[in-house]
Amino acid sequence: SGSETGGKAMVMGLVLLCTLLLGWLRRVAVFDCFCEGAREGLSTTLRVFPSLLGLLVAIGMLRASGAMDGLVSLLSPLGRVLGIPPSILPLALMRPISGSGSLALVQDVFNKFGADSFIGRVASLIMGSSETTFYTIAVYFGSVGVRKTRHTVGASLLSDLCATILAVAAVRVFFE
């Protein structure tokens, strides 16, 4: 609504004014600090960009090639053993790779099964309790120039798997 937007603008203006006033009182060159921060932000963006571009190209190739469907078919028996329904596997596989791809899959789940269905609730919990692992690693490690991730990828993917298994278990315990 209009009054809500006006309130947000007023708060943002107040924060800006307080920042400028505090900088002036402490004799800090606020604009110079802003420019330096913007310069560092741009250099970080340039350092991270190749990793993100590679990740986005890989996601596009995975989706366009049909490899995701093949991977889901291959992992369905293991998913059943772990208690993961086959219809949730595409989301469990996409979530560590892409946030926007995951959101598209959750929307598909909601359209097909409904948001209040077992699968819809599991999808919601997966989105809330897991991470876009490869994106996060690319951004954070890329921004500081870390090349060797050591155990980060394995531990993060294990965490995502645990989040998926526990999402299924939580929905079974609390909603069935």
Protein backbone atom coordinates (compact mmCIF):
# COMPACT_ATOMS: atom_id res chain seq x y z
CA SER A 1 0.00 0.00 0.00
CA GLY A 2 0.99 3.65 -0.37
CA SER A 3 1.36 4.38 3.34
CA GLU A 4 3.55 1.29 3.79
CA THR A 5 5.84 2.41 0.95
CA GLY A 6 5.99 5.92 2.39
CA GLY A 7 6.91 4.52 5.80
CA LYS A 8 9.72 2.42 4.33
CA ALA A 9 11.05 5.42 2.43
CA MET A 10 10.98 7.51 5.59
CA VAL A 11 12.90 4.85 7.55
CA MET A 12 15.50 4.55 4.78
CA GLY A 13 15.88 8.33 4.69
CA LEU A 14 16.30 8.40 8.46
CA VAL A 15 18.99 5.68 8.30
CA LEU A 16 20.82 7.62 5.58
CA LEU A 17 20.59 10.86 7.55
CA CYS A 18 21.86 9.17 10.74
CA THR A 19 24.76 7.61 8.83
CA LEU A 20 25.76 10.97 7.37
CA LEU A 21 25.40 12.72 10.72
CA LEU A 22 27.43 10.08 12.58
CA GLY A 23 30.14 10.23 9.89
CA TRP A 24 30.27 14.01 10.14
CA LEU A 25 30.48 13.90 13.97
CA ARG A 26 33.33 11.36 13.80
CA ARG A 27 35.04 13.33 11.02
CA VAL A 28 34.84 10.46 8.52
CA ALA A 29 34.84 11.19 4.80
CA VAL A 30 31.55 9.34 4.20
CA PHE A 31 31.48 9.75 0.42
CA ASP A 32 35.08 8.56 0.10
CA CYS A 33 34.25 5.51 2.23
CA PHE A 34 31.22 4.85 0.06
CA CYS A 35 33.31 5.07 -3.12
CA GLU A 36 35.96 2.71 -1.67
CA GLY A 37 33.26 0.20 -0.70
CA ALA A 38 31.72 0.39 -4.18
CA ARG A 39 35.16 -0.16 -5.72
CA GLU A 40 35.75 -3.24 -3.52
CA GLY A 41 32.27 -4.52 -4.38
CA LEU A 42 32.97 -4.25 -8.10
CA SER A 43 36.30 -6.04 -7.79
CA THR A 44 34.61 -8.81 -5.79
CA THR A 45 31.93 -9.09 -8.47
CA LEU A 46 34.58 -9.42 -11.17
CA ARG A 47 36.41 -12.10 -9.17
CA VAL A 48 33.23 -14.13 -8.56
CA PHE A 49 31.66 -13.70 -12.01
CA PRO A 50 33.48 -16.54 -13.86
CA SER A 51 32.42 -19.10 -11.22
CA LEU A 52 28.81 -17.92 -11.32
CA LEU A 53 28.74 -17.91 -15.11
CA GLY A 54 30.05 -21.49 -15.18
CA LEU A 55 27.46 -22.52 -12.62
CA LEU A 56 24.61 -20.93 -14.60
CA VAL A 57 25.76 -22.56 -17.85
CA ALA A 58 25.98 -25.96 -16.12
CA ILE A 59 22.44 -25.57 -14.73
CA GLY A 60 21.11 -24.67 -18.17
CA MET A 61 22.83 -27.67 -19.74
CA LEU A 62 21.57 -30.01 -17.00
CA ARG A 63 17.99 -28.92 -17.48
CA ALA A 64 18.04 -28.74 -21.29
CA SER A 65 19.77 -32.09 -21.82
CA GLY A 66 17.27 -34.13 -19.82
CA ALA A 67 20.08 -35.32 -17.55
CA MET A 68 18.01 -34.34 -14.52
CA ASP A 69 15.29 -36.84 -15.45
CA GLY A 70 17.88 -39.56 -15.95
CA LEU A 71 19.50 -38.77 -12.62
CA VAL A 72 16.12 -38.87 -10.86
CA SER A 73 15.38 -42.28 -12.41
CA LEU A 74 18.78 -43.55 -11.35
CA LEU A 75 18.44 -42.28 -7.76
CA SER A 76 14.79 -43.21 -7.19
CA PRO A 77 15.56 -46.63 -5.64
CA LEU A 78 18.04 -45.04 -3.21
CA GLY A 79 15.50 -42.30 -2.49
CA ARG A 80 12.87 -44.90 -1.59
CA VAL A 81 15.32 -46.60 0.80
CA LEU A 82 15.97 -43.20 2.45
CA GLY A 83 12.23 -42.45 2.53
CA ILE A 84 12.42 -39.68 -0.08
CA PRO A 85 9.44 -39.74 -2.46
CA PRO A 86 10.47 -39.78 -6.15
CA SER A 87 8.43 -36.64 -6.84
CA ILE A 88 10.64 -34.66 -4.43
CA LEU A 89 13.97 -35.89 -5.85
CA PRO A 90 14.25 -33.23 -8.59
CA LEU A 91 13.99 -30.52 -5.91
CA ALA A 92 16.48 -32.29 -3.64
CA LEU A 93 18.93 -32.47 -6.55
CA MET A 94 18.37 -28.90 -7.80
CA ARG A 95 18.41 -27.13 -4.43
CA PRO A 96 22.20 -27.31 -3.88
CA ILE A 97 22.75 -25.97 -7.39
CA SER A 98 20.21 -23.23 -8.02
CA GLY A 99 17.84 -21.17 -5.91
CA SER A 100 15.75 -19.98 -8.84
CA GLY A 101 15.65 -23.49 -10.35
CA SER A 102 14.52 -24.80 -6.96
CA LEU A 103 11.77 -22.20 -6.73
CA ALA A 104 10.50 -23.21 -10.16
CA LEU A 105 10.40 -26.86 -9.05
CA VAL A 106 8.57 -25.94 -5.82
CA GLN A 107 6.02 -24.04 -7.88
CA ASP A 108 5.58 -27.15 -10.04
CA VAL A 109 5.10 -29.26 -6.89
CA PHE A 110 2.50 -26.80 -5.56
CA ASN A 111 0.65 -26.77 -8.89
CA LYS A 112 0.66 -30.56 -9.20
CA PHE A 113 0.15 -31.69 -5.59
CA GLY A 114 -0.96 -28.56 -3.70
CA ALA A 115 0.89 -26.56 -1.07
CA ASP A 116 -0.82 -28.37 1.83
CA SER A 117 -0.11 -31.85 0.48
CA PHE A 118 2.56 -34.14 1.90
CA ILE A 119 4.86 -33.41 -1.06
CA GLY A 120 4.12 -29.65 -0.88
CA ARG A 121 5.01 -29.51 2.80
CA VAL A 122 8.19 -31.51 2.25
CA ALA A 123 9.16 -29.16 -0.59
CA SER A 124 8.58 -26.15 1.66
CA LEU A 125 10.74 -27.60 4.42
CA ILE A 126 13.53 -28.46 1.98
CA MET A 127 13.53 -24.88 0.70
CA GLY A 128 13.70 -23.53 4.23
CA SER A 129 16.27 -25.91 5.66
CA SER A 130 18.78 -26.44 2.85
CA GLU A 131 21.20 -24.21 0.98
CA THR A 132 22.19 -23.41 -2.57
CA THR A 133 25.52 -25.02 -1.79
CA PHE A 134 27.40 -24.54 -5.05
CA TYR A 135 26.23 -20.94 -5.49
CA THR A 136 27.21 -20.08 -1.93
CA ILE A 137 30.61 -21.71 -2.25
CA ALA A 138 31.22 -19.96 -5.58
CA VAL A 139 30.31 -16.56 -4.15
CA TYR A 140 31.99 -16.74 -0.75
CA PHE A 141 35.10 -18.69 -1.67
CA GLY A 142 35.42 -16.80 -4.96
CA SER A 143 35.19 -13.43 -3.23
CA VAL A 144 38.20 -14.18 -1.05
CA GLY A 145 40.13 -16.16 -3.66
CA VAL A 146 39.91 -19.62 -2.06
CA ARG A 147 40.62 -22.28 -4.70
CA LYS A 148 40.69 -25.49 -2.63
CA THR A 149 37.44 -26.12 -0.81
CA ARG A 150 38.74 -29.22 1.03
CA HIS A 151 35.78 -30.84 2.80
CA THR A 152 33.33 -27.96 2.34
CA VAL A 153 31.48 -29.38 -0.66
CA GLY A 154 31.10 -32.88 0.80
CA ALA A 155 29.99 -31.62 4.20
CA SER A 156 27.55 -29.17 2.63
CA LEU A 157 26.00 -31.78 0.36
CA LEU A 158 25.69 -34.17 3.30
CA SER A 159 23.92 -31.39 5.18
CA ASP A 160 21.53 -30.90 2.24
CA LEU A 161 20.81 -34.65 2.17
CA CYS A 162 20.11 -34.62 5.91
CA ALA A 163 17.80 -31.63 5.45
CA THR A 164 15.85 -33.53 2.79
CA ILE A 165 15.55 -36.72 4.86
CA LEU A 166 14.55 -34.75 7.97
CA ALA A 167 12.02 -32.70 5.98
CA VAL A 168 10.27 -35.92 4.95
CA ALA A 169 10.44 -37.26 8.52
CA ALA A 170 9.14 -34.01 10.04
CA VAL A 171 6.14 -33.89 7.72
CA ARG A 172 5.39 -37.53 8.52
CA VAL A 173 5.61 -36.93 12.28
CA PHE A 174 3.76 -33.59 12.46
CA PHE A 175 1.24 -33.78 9.60
CA GLU A 176 0.25 -37.42 9.15
